[in-house]
Every structure is written in C-alpha cells, then in structure tokens.
Amino acid sequence: MRKGRVTGFREAELALRRHSRALTAKGAWAITVGEVTRKAVKHVGVIAFFRKRPRGLPWSLEVRKGARTVKVPLAIRIGREARPDI
C-alpha cells in the first residue's frame, strides 16, 4: 500500500476472489471483506478467520487491476467456527 492510497471495496472483492483458495488451503474457515485499520488509516480489506494462527501469511494480498498492482490489506482473526443455534 502506497502512502495515502486507501484500498476500496472493488479491490478487496477482487483479492478475495483471487486468493480465497490459498487462504482456505491454509485453514481459513471463513473469508470476508471488511474494514481493516493499518497505521491509523481505514482500508477495505480481506478478513480471514482461522481456528489457530497460521504461519507464512502476508500482511497484504496483491492483485492486478488493469496495468497496476494493488496491495489489499489482509487481517487475521482467530476463533472457533460459528455453529447454528438449534
């Protein structure tokens, strides 16, 4: 992410579509797009939920949009899978 560049919803959706298989292979049980704060700046980024902290994940996901490459922030959340109330 360049200084002053805030990622938007379209870039985050593109990153989610392009990287969801890789995140699922690392153990993500849910992946969504939402607000991510980096250095006091709010971005729209990808949020991945895991049961335990995975190793080797980047801080951002790179996607090509036209002729430029955009870095979309990746946030990791740790927790159990949601279960329906019956």
PDB file of N, CA and C in Angstrom:
ATOM      1  N   MET A   1       0.840  -1.170   0.000  1.00  0.00           N
ATOM      2  CA  MET A   1       0.000   0.000   0.000  1.00  0.00           C
ATOM      3  C   MET A   1       0.886   1.234   0.000  1.00  0.00           C
ATOM      4  N   ARG A   2       0.698   2.041  -0.982  1.00  0.00           N
ATOM      5  CA  ARG A   2       1.459   3.273  -1.029  1.00  0.00           C
ATOM      6  C   ARG A   2       0.903   4.245  -0.010  1.00  0.00           C
ATOM      7  N   LYS A   3       1.757   5.141   0.418  1.00  0.00           N
ATOM      8  CA  LYS A   3       1.332   6.144   1.385  1.00  0.00           C
ATOM      9  C   LYS A   3       0.193   6.976   0.807  1.00  0.00           C
ATOM     10  N   GLY A   4      -0.896   7.096   1.568  1.00  0.00           N
ATOM     11  CA  GLY A   4      -2.015   7.885   1.129  1.00  0.00           C
ATOM     12  C   GLY A   4      -3.014   7.137   0.261  1.00  0.00           C
ATOM     13  N   ARG A   5      -2.701   5.920  -0.158  1.00  0.00           N
ATOM     14  CA  ARG A   5      -3.579   5.124  -1.018  1.00  0.00           C
ATOM     15  C   ARG A   5      -4.456   4.236  -0.159  1.00  0.00           C
ATOM     16  N   VAL A   6      -5.748   4.438  -0.220  1.00  0.00           N
ATOM     17  CA  VAL A   6      -6.697   3.639   0.537  1.00  0.00           C
ATOM     18  C   VAL A   6      -7.361   2.661  -0.424  1.00  0.00           C
ATOM     19  N   THR A   7      -7.334   1.377  -0.075  1.00  0.00           N
ATOM     20  CA  THR A   7      -7.954   0.392  -0.949  1.00  0.00           C
ATOM     21  C   THR A   7      -9.465   0.460  -0.822  1.00  0.00           C
ATOM     22  N   GLY A   8     -10.130   0.117  -1.887  1.00  0.00           N
ATOM     23  CA  GLY A   8     -11.583   0.194  -1.923  1.00  0.00           C
ATOM     24  C   GLY A   8     -12.230  -1.175  -1.966  1.00  0.00           C
ATOM     25  N   PHE A   9     -13.556  -1.168  -1.996  1.00  0.00           N
ATOM     26  CA  PHE A   9     -14.336  -2.390  -1.966  1.00  0.00           C
ATOM     27  C   PHE A   9     -14.061  -3.264  -3.190  1.00  0.00           C
ATOM     28  N   ARG A  10     -13.951  -2.662  -4.364  1.00  0.00           N
ATOM     29  CA  ARG A  10     -13.719  -3.456  -5.580  1.00  0.00           C
ATOM     30  C   ARG A  10     -12.383  -4.182  -5.546  1.00  0.00           C
ATOM     31  N   GLU A  11     -11.344  -3.504  -5.074  1.00  0.00           N
ATOM     32  CA  GLU A  11     -10.036  -4.153  -4.972  1.00  0.00           C
ATOM     33  C   GLU A  11     -10.069  -5.295  -3.961  1.00  0.00           C
ATOM     34  N   ALA A  12     -10.757  -5.079  -2.832  1.00  0.00           N
ATOM     35  CA  ALA A  12     -10.848  -6.110  -1.804  1.00  0.00           C
ATOM     36  C   ALA A  12     -11.641  -7.321  -2.301  1.00  0.00           C
ATOM     37  N   GLU A  13     -12.733  -7.090  -3.027  1.00  0.00           N
ATOM     38  CA  GLU A  13     -13.518  -8.190  -3.601  1.00  0.00           C
ATOM     39  C   GLU A  13     -12.680  -8.984  -4.597  1.00  0.00           C
ATOM     40  N   LEU A  14     -11.903  -8.290  -5.398  1.00  0.00           N
ATOM     41  CA  LEU A  14     -11.033  -8.951  -6.366  1.00  0.00           C
ATOM     42  C   LEU A  14      -9.991  -9.804  -5.644  1.00  0.00           C
ATOM     43  N   ALA A  15      -9.383  -9.267  -4.588  1.00  0.00           N
ATOM     44  CA  ALA A  15      -8.397 -10.019  -3.810  1.00  0.00           C
ATOM     45  C   ALA A  15      -9.031 -11.243  -3.156  1.00  0.00           C
ATOM     46  N   LEU A  16     -10.247 -11.106  -2.657  1.00  0.00           N
ATOM     47  CA  LEU A  16     -10.943 -12.238  -2.047  1.00  0.00           C
ATOM     48  C   LEU A  16     -11.155 -13.337  -3.088  1.00  0.00           C
ATOM     49  N   ARG A  17     -11.625 -12.974  -4.266  1.00  0.00           N
ATOM     50  CA  ARG A  17     -11.854 -13.977  -5.314  1.00  0.00           C
ATOM     51  C   ARG A  17     -10.560 -14.646  -5.758  1.00  0.00           C
ATOM     52  N   ARG A  18      -9.495 -13.864  -5.876  1.00  0.00           N
ATOM     53  CA  ARG A  18      -8.233 -14.412  -6.387  1.00  0.00           C
ATOM     54  C   ARG A  18      -7.472 -15.248  -5.352  1.00  0.00           C
ATOM     55  N   HIS A  19      -7.630 -14.943  -4.054  1.00  0.00           N
ATOM     56  CA  HIS A  19      -6.813 -15.600  -3.027  1.00  0.00           C
ATOM     57  C   HIS A  19      -7.595 -16.512  -2.085  1.00  0.00           C
ATOM     58  N   SER A  20      -8.891 -16.685  -2.297  1.00  0.00           N
ATOM     59  CA  SER A  20      -9.692 -17.467  -1.352  1.00  0.00           C
ATOM     60  C   SER A  20      -9.266 -18.933  -1.276  1.00  0.00           C
ATOM     61  N   ARG A  21      -8.900 -19.529  -2.393  1.00  0.00           N
ATOM     62  CA  ARG A  21      -8.456 -20.934  -2.359  1.00  0.00           C
ATOM     63  C   ARG A  21      -7.185 -21.107  -1.542  1.00  0.00           C
ATOM     64  N   ALA A  22      -6.246 -20.205  -1.697  1.00  0.00           N
ATOM     65  CA  ALA A  22      -4.992 -20.291  -0.950  1.00  0.00           C
ATOM     66  C   ALA A  22      -5.237 -20.108   0.547  1.00  0.00           C
ATOM     67  N   LEU A  23      -6.121 -19.180   0.908  1.00  0.00           N
ATOM     68  CA  LEU A  23      -6.424 -18.963   2.326  1.00  0.00           C
ATOM     69  C   LEU A  23      -7.165 -20.167   2.921  1.00  0.00           C
ATOM     70  N   THR A  24      -8.081 -20.743   2.157  1.00  0.00           N
ATOM     71  CA  THR A  24      -8.793 -21.931   2.612  1.00  0.00           C
ATOM     72  C   THR A  24      -7.827 -23.107   2.788  1.00  0.00           C
ATOM     73  N   ALA A  25      -6.873 -23.241   1.889  1.00  0.00           N
ATOM     74  CA  ALA A  25      -5.872 -24.308   1.996  1.00  0.00           C
ATOM     75  C   ALA A  25      -5.011 -24.143   3.248  1.00  0.00           C
ATOM     76  N   LYS A  26      -4.830 -22.906   3.700  1.00  0.00           N
ATOM     77  CA  LYS A  26      -4.065 -22.650   4.934  1.00  0.00           C
ATOM     78  C   LYS A  26      -4.911 -22.860   6.188  1.00  0.00           C
ATOM     79  N   GLY A  27      -6.239 -23.122   6.026  1.00  0.00           N
ATOM     80  CA  GLY A  27      -7.081 -23.412   7.173  1.00  0.00           C
ATOM     81  C   GLY A  27      -8.145 -22.386   7.500  1.00  0.00           C
ATOM     82  N   ALA A  28      -8.362 -21.404   6.634  1.00  0.00           N
ATOM     83  CA  ALA A  28      -9.393 -20.400   6.903  1.00  0.00           C
ATOM     84  C   ALA A  28     -10.771 -21.055   6.812  1.00  0.00           C
ATOM     85  N   TRP A  29     -11.599 -20.812   7.820  1.00  0.00           N
ATOM     86  CA  TRP A  29     -12.950 -21.374   7.804  1.00  0.00           C
ATOM     87  C   TRP A  29     -13.976 -20.350   7.344  1.00  0.00           C
ATOM     88  N   ALA A  30     -13.594 -19.098   7.243  1.00  0.00           N
ATOM     89  CA  ALA A  30     -14.456 -18.053   6.686  1.00  0.00           C
ATOM     90  C   ALA A  30     -13.566 -16.930   6.164  1.00  0.00           C
ATOM     91  N   ILE A  31     -13.988 -16.320   5.061  1.00  0.00           N
ATOM     92  CA  ILE A  31     -13.249 -15.205   4.469  1.00  0.00           C
ATOM     93  C   ILE A  31     -14.275 -14.162   4.054  1.00  0.00           C
ATOM     94  N   THR A  32     -14.014 -12.913   4.387  1.00  0.00           N
ATOM     95  CA  THR A  32     -14.956 -11.848   4.056  1.00  0.00           C
ATOM     96  C   THR A  32     -14.200 -10.566   3.725  1.00  0.00           C
ATOM     97  N   VAL A  33     -14.926  -9.580   3.270  1.00  0.00           N
ATOM     98  CA  VAL A  33     -14.383  -8.242   3.011  1.00  0.00           C
ATOM     99  C   VAL A  33     -14.917  -7.328   4.104  1.00  0.00           C
ATOM    100  N   GLY A  34     -14.037  -6.516   4.675  1.00  0.00           N
ATOM    101  CA  GLY A  34     -14.467  -5.612   5.732  1.00  0.00           C
ATOM    102  C   GLY A  34     -13.443  -4.530   5.986  1.00  0.00           C
ATOM    103  N   GLU A  35     -13.696  -3.741   7.023  1.00  0.00           N
ATOM    104  CA  GLU A  35     -12.825  -2.624   7.368  1.00  0.00           C
ATOM    105  C   GLU A  35     -11.587  -3.128   8.113  1.00  0.00           C
ATOM    106  N   VAL A  36     -10.430  -2.704   7.639  1.00  0.00           N
ATOM    107  CA  VAL A  36      -9.137  -3.064   8.236  1.00  0.00           C
ATOM    108  C   VAL A  36      -8.393  -1.773   8.502  1.00  0.00           C
ATOM    109  N   THR A  37      -7.854  -1.605   9.699  1.00  0.00           N
ATOM    110  CA  THR A  37      -7.103  -0.401  10.048  1.00  0.00           C
ATOM    111  C   THR A  37      -5.612  -0.721  10.051  1.00  0.00           C
ATOM    112  N   ARG A  38      -4.853   0.064   9.308  1.00  0.00           N
ATOM    113  CA  ARG A  38      -3.394  -0.057   9.259  1.00  0.00           C
ATOM    114  C   ARG A  38      -2.807   1.317   9.466  1.00  0.00           C
ATOM    115  N   LYS A  39      -1.988   1.455  10.493  1.00  0.00           N
ATOM    116  CA  LYS A  39      -1.324   2.732  10.799  1.00  0.00           C
ATOM    117  C   LYS A  39      -2.331   3.872  10.873  1.00  0.00           C
ATOM    118  N   ALA A  40      -3.422   3.631  11.588  1.00  0.00           N
ATOM    119  CA  ALA A  40      -4.487   4.614  11.833  1.00  0.00           C
ATOM    120  C   ALA A  40      -5.235   5.043  10.575  1.00  0.00           C
ATOM    121  N   VAL A  41      -5.093   4.288   9.496  1.00  0.00           N
ATOM    122  CA  VAL A  41      -5.820   4.564   8.265  1.00  0.00           C
ATOM    123  C   VAL A  41      -6.762   3.395   8.001  1.00  0.00           C
ATOM    124  N   LYS A  42      -8.032   3.710   7.747  1.00  0.00           N
ATOM    125  CA  LYS A  42      -9.015   2.664   7.499  1.00  0.00           C
ATOM    126  C   LYS A  42      -9.035   2.311   6.016  1.00  0.00           C
ATOM    127  N   HIS A  43      -8.934   1.014   5.760  1.00  0.00           N
ATOM    128  CA  HIS A  43      -8.976   0.475   4.407  1.00  0.00           C
ATOM    129  C   HIS A  43     -10.114  -0.542   4.340  1.00  0.00           C
ATOM    130  N   VAL A  44     -10.514  -0.882   3.146  1.00  0.00           N
ATOM    131  CA  VAL A  44     -11.365  -2.043   2.945  1.00  0.00           C
ATOM    132  C   VAL A  44     -10.411  -3.166   2.569  1.00  0.00           C
ATOM    133  N   GLY A  45     -10.447  -4.249   3.331  1.00  0.00           N
ATOM    134  CA  GLY A  45      -9.510  -5.340   3.106  1.00  0.00           C
ATOM    135  C   GLY A  45     -10.181  -6.686   3.234  1.00  0.00           C
ATOM    136  N   VAL A  46      -9.367  -7.722   3.163  1.00  0.00           N
ATOM    137  CA  VAL A  46      -9.832  -9.098   3.302  1.00  0.00           C
ATOM    138  C   VAL A  46      -9.601  -9.531   4.741  1.00  0.00           C
ATOM    139  N   ILE A  47     -10.622 -10.144   5.343  1.00  0.00           N
ATOM    140  CA  ILE A  47     -10.521 -10.665   6.708  1.00  0.00           C
ATOM    141  C   ILE A  47     -10.706 -12.174   6.634  1.00  0.00           C
ATOM    142  N   ALA A  48      -9.733 -12.913   7.147  1.00  0.00           N
ATOM    143  CA  ALA A  48      -9.781 -14.378   7.140  1.00  0.00           C
ATOM    144  C   ALA A  48      -9.833 -14.885   8.580  1.00  0.00           C
ATOM    145  N   PHE A  49     -10.710 -15.833   8.835  1.00  0.00           N
ATOM    146  CA  PHE A  49     -10.906 -16.404  10.164  1.00  0.00           C
ATOM    147  C   PHE A  49     -10.275 -17.798  10.228  1.00  0.00           C
ATOM    148  N   PHE A  50      -9.472 -18.020  11.272  1.00  0.00           N
ATOM    149  CA  PHE A  50      -8.783 -19.293  11.467  1.00  0.00           C
ATOM    150  C   PHE A  50      -9.028 -19.799  12.884  1.00  0.00           C
ATOM    151  N   ARG A  51      -8.943 -21.124  13.082  1.00  0.00           N
ATOM    152  CA  ARG A  51      -9.046 -21.693  14.433  1.00  0.00           C
ATOM    153  C   ARG A  51      -7.782 -21.409  15.231  1.00  0.00           C
ATOM    154  N   LYS A  52      -6.620 -21.519  14.586  1.00  0.00           N
ATOM    155  CA  LYS A  52      -5.353 -21.177  15.240  1.00  0.00           C
ATOM    156  C   LYS A  52      -4.512 -20.374  14.252  1.00  0.00           C
ATOM    157  N   ARG A  53      -3.559 -19.626  14.794  1.00  0.00           N
ATOM    158  CA  ARG A  53      -2.779 -18.700  13.972  1.00  0.00           C
ATOM    159  C   ARG A  53      -1.965 -19.463  12.916  1.00  0.00           C
ATOM    160  N   PRO A  54      -2.184 -19.136  11.651  1.00  0.00           N
ATOM    161  CA  PRO A  54      -1.422 -19.778  10.574  1.00  0.00           C
ATOM    162  C   PRO A  54      -0.048 -19.134  10.431  1.00  0.00           C
ATOM    163  N   ARG A  55       0.851 -19.853   9.824  1.00  0.00           N
ATOM    164  CA  ARG A  55       2.200 -19.318   9.584  1.00  0.00           C
ATOM    165  C   ARG A  55       2.352 -18.982   8.109  1.00  0.00           C
ATOM    166  N   GLY A  56       3.165 -18.003   7.863  1.00  0.00           N
ATOM    167  CA  GLY A  56       3.535 -17.686   6.490  1.00  0.00           C
ATOM    168  C   GLY A  56       2.521 -16.915   5.673  1.00  0.00           C
ATOM    169  N   LEU A  57       1.633 -16.188   6.325  1.00  0.00           N
ATOM    170  CA  LEU A  57       0.681 -15.361   5.577  1.00  0.00           C
ATOM    171  C   LEU A  57       1.212 -13.934   5.462  1.00  0.00           C
ATOM    172  N   PRO A  58       1.004 -13.300   4.309  1.00  0.00           N
ATOM    173  CA  PRO A  58       1.478 -11.926   4.127  1.00  0.00           C
ATOM    174  C   PRO A  58       0.564 -10.917   4.824  1.00  0.00           C
ATOM    175  N   TRP A  59       1.034  -9.688   4.949  1.00  0.00           N
ATOM    176  CA  TRP A  59       0.227  -8.601   5.518  1.00  0.00           C
ATOM    177  C   TRP A  59      -0.776  -8.083   4.505  1.00  0.00           C
ATOM    178  N   SER A  60      -0.488  -8.318   3.222  1.00  0.00           N
ATOM    179  CA  SER A  60      -1.388  -7.839   2.176  1.00  0.00           C
ATOM    180  C   SER A  60      -1.428  -8.851   1.034  1.00  0.00           C
ATOM    181  N   LEU A  61      -2.496  -8.759   0.251  1.00  0.00           N
ATOM    182  CA  LEU A  61      -2.684  -9.611  -0.917  1.00  0.00           C
ATOM    183  C   LEU A  61      -2.558  -8.748  -2.160  1.00  0.00           C
ATOM    184  N   GLU A  62      -1.726  -9.176  -3.089  1.00  0.00           N
ATOM    185  CA  GLU A  62      -1.518  -8.401  -4.311  1.00  0.00           C
ATOM    186  C   GLU A  62      -2.476  -8.858  -5.398  1.00  0.00           C
ATOM    187  N   VAL A  63      -3.080  -7.888  -6.077  1.00  0.00           N
ATOM    188  CA  VAL A  63      -3.934  -8.163  -7.229  1.00  0.00           C
ATOM    189  C   VAL A  63      -3.604  -7.168  -8.326  1.00  0.00           C
ATOM    190  N   ARG A  64      -3.743  -7.627  -9.558  1.00  0.00           N
ATOM    191  CA  ARG A  64      -3.534  -6.742 -10.704  1.00  0.00           C
ATOM    192  C   ARG A  64      -4.865  -6.147 -11.105  1.00  0.00           C
ATOM    193  N   LYS A  65      -4.883  -4.846 -11.235  1.00  0.00           N
ATOM    194  CA  LYS A  65      -6.088  -4.138 -11.675  1.00  0.00           C
ATOM    195  C   LYS A  65      -5.670  -3.258 -12.839  1.00  0.00           C
ATOM    196  N   GLY A  66      -5.976  -3.734 -14.031  1.00  0.00           N
ATOM    197  CA  GLY A  66      -5.516  -3.036 -15.219  1.00  0.00           C
ATOM    198  C   GLY A  66      -4.011  -3.187 -15.351  1.00  0.00           C
ATOM    199  N   ALA A  67      -3.322  -2.084 -15.486  1.00  0.00           N
ATOM    200  CA  ALA A  67      -1.871  -2.114 -15.642  1.00  0.00           C
ATOM    201  C   ALA A  67      -1.129  -1.983 -14.319  1.00  0.00           C
ATOM    202  N   ARG A  68      -1.853  -1.826 -13.213  1.00  0.00           N
ATOM    203  CA  ARG A  68      -1.168  -1.614 -11.931  1.00  0.00           C
ATOM    204  C   ARG A  68      -1.449  -2.751 -10.955  1.00  0.00           C
ATOM    205  N   THR A  69      -0.548  -2.894 -10.004  1.00  0.00           N
ATOM    206  CA  THR A  69      -0.689  -3.889  -8.948  1.00  0.00           C
ATOM    207  C   THR A  69      -1.129  -3.172  -7.676  1.00  0.00           C
ATOM    208  N   VAL A  70      -2.158  -3.703  -7.034  1.00  0.00           N
ATOM    209  CA  VAL A  70      -2.707  -3.111  -5.815  1.00  0.00           C
ATOM    210  C   VAL A  70      -2.491  -4.084  -4.668  1.00  0.00           C
ATOM    211  N   LYS A  71      -2.053  -3.567  -3.517  1.00  0.00           N
ATOM    212  CA  LYS A  71      -1.903  -4.380  -2.316  1.00  0.00           C
ATOM    213  C   LYS A  71      -3.106  -4.144  -1.413  1.00  0.00           C
ATOM    214  N   VAL A  72      -3.859  -5.209  -1.165  1.00  0.00           N
ATOM    215  CA  VAL A  72      -5.054  -5.141  -0.323  1.00  0.00           C
ATOM    216  C   VAL A  72      -4.690  -5.706   1.045  1.00  0.00           C
ATOM    217  N   PRO A  73      -4.961  -4.987   2.140  1.00  0.00           N
ATOM    218  CA  PRO A  73      -4.593  -5.493   3.465  1.00  0.00           C
ATOM    219  C   PRO A  73      -5.336  -6.785   3.811  1.00  0.00           C
ATOM    220  N   LEU A  74      -4.618  -7.681   4.495  1.00  0.00           N
ATOM    221  CA  LEU A  74      -5.179  -8.940   4.969  1.00  0.00           C
ATOM    222  C   LEU A  74      -5.172  -8.920   6.491  1.00  0.00           C
ATOM    223  N   ALA A  75      -6.329  -9.121   7.095  1.00  0.00           N
ATOM    224  CA  ALA A  75      -6.445  -9.188   8.555  1.00  0.00           C
ATOM    225  C   ALA A  75      -6.772 -10.624   8.941  1.00  0.00           C
ATOM    226  N   ILE A  76      -6.163 -11.096  10.016  1.00  0.00           N
ATOM    227  CA  ILE A  76      -6.375 -12.454  10.515  1.00  0.00           C
ATOM    228  C   ILE A  76      -7.157 -12.369  11.816  1.00  0.00           C
ATOM    229  N   ARG A  77      -8.208 -13.160  11.923  1.00  0.00           N
ATOM    230  CA  ARG A  77      -8.995 -13.265  13.158  1.00  0.00           C
ATOM    231  C   ARG A  77      -8.945 -14.719  13.611  1.00  0.00           C
ATOM    232  N   ILE A  78      -8.743 -14.915  14.912  1.00  0.00           N
ATOM    233  CA  ILE A  78      -8.658 -16.262  15.479  1.00  0.00           C
ATOM    234  C   ILE A  78      -9.928 -16.536  16.274  1.00  0.00           C
ATOM    235  N   GLY A  79     -10.529 -17.690  16.046  1.00  0.00           N
ATOM    236  CA  GLY A  79     -11.731 -18.052  16.786  1.00  0.00           C
ATOM    237  C   GLY A  79     -12.329 -19.346  16.274  1.00  0.00           C
ATOM    238  N   ARG A  80     -13.288 -19.846  17.016  1.00  0.00           N
ATOM    239  CA  ARG A  80     -13.957 -21.080  16.617  1.00  0.00           C
ATOM    240  C   ARG A  80     -14.965 -20.791  15.511  1.00  0.00           C
ATOM    241  N   GLU A  81     -15.277 -21.855  14.792  1.00  0.00           N
ATOM    242  CA  GLU A  81     -16.273 -21.734  13.739  1.00  0.00           C
ATOM    243  C   GLU A  81     -17.630 -21.467  14.346  1.00  0.00           C
ATOM    244  N   ALA A  82     -18.431 -20.702  13.654  1.00  0.00           N
ATOM    245  CA  ALA A  82     -19.772 -20.401  14.126  1.00  0.00           C
ATOM    246  C   ALA A  82     -20.646 -21.643  13.980  1.00  0.00           C
ATOM    247  N   ARG A  83     -21.476 -21.891  14.974  1.00  0.00           N
ATOM    248  CA  ARG A  83     -22.404 -23.017  14.918  1.00  0.00           C
ATOM    249  C   ARG A  83     -23.814 -22.479  15.035  1.00  0.00           C
ATOM    250  N   PRO A  84     -24.738 -23.033  14.272  1.00  0.00           N
ATOM    251  CA  PRO A  84     -26.113 -22.548  14.350  1.00  0.00           C
ATOM    252  C   PRO A  84     -26.766 -22.939  15.681  1.00  0.00           C
ATOM    253  N   ASP A  85     -27.598 -22.045  16.186  1.00  0.00           N
ATOM    254  CA  ASP A  85     -28.368 -22.356  17.398  1.00  0.00           C
ATOM    255  C   ASP A  85     -29.570 -23.191  17.012  1.00  0.00           C
ATOM    256  N   ILE A  86     -29.712 -24.283  17.681  1.00  0.00           N
ATOM    257  CA  ILE A  86     -30.855 -25.165  17.382  1.00  0.00           C
ATOM    258  C   ILE A  86     -31.725 -25.295  18.603  1.00  0.00           C
TER     259      ILE A  86
END
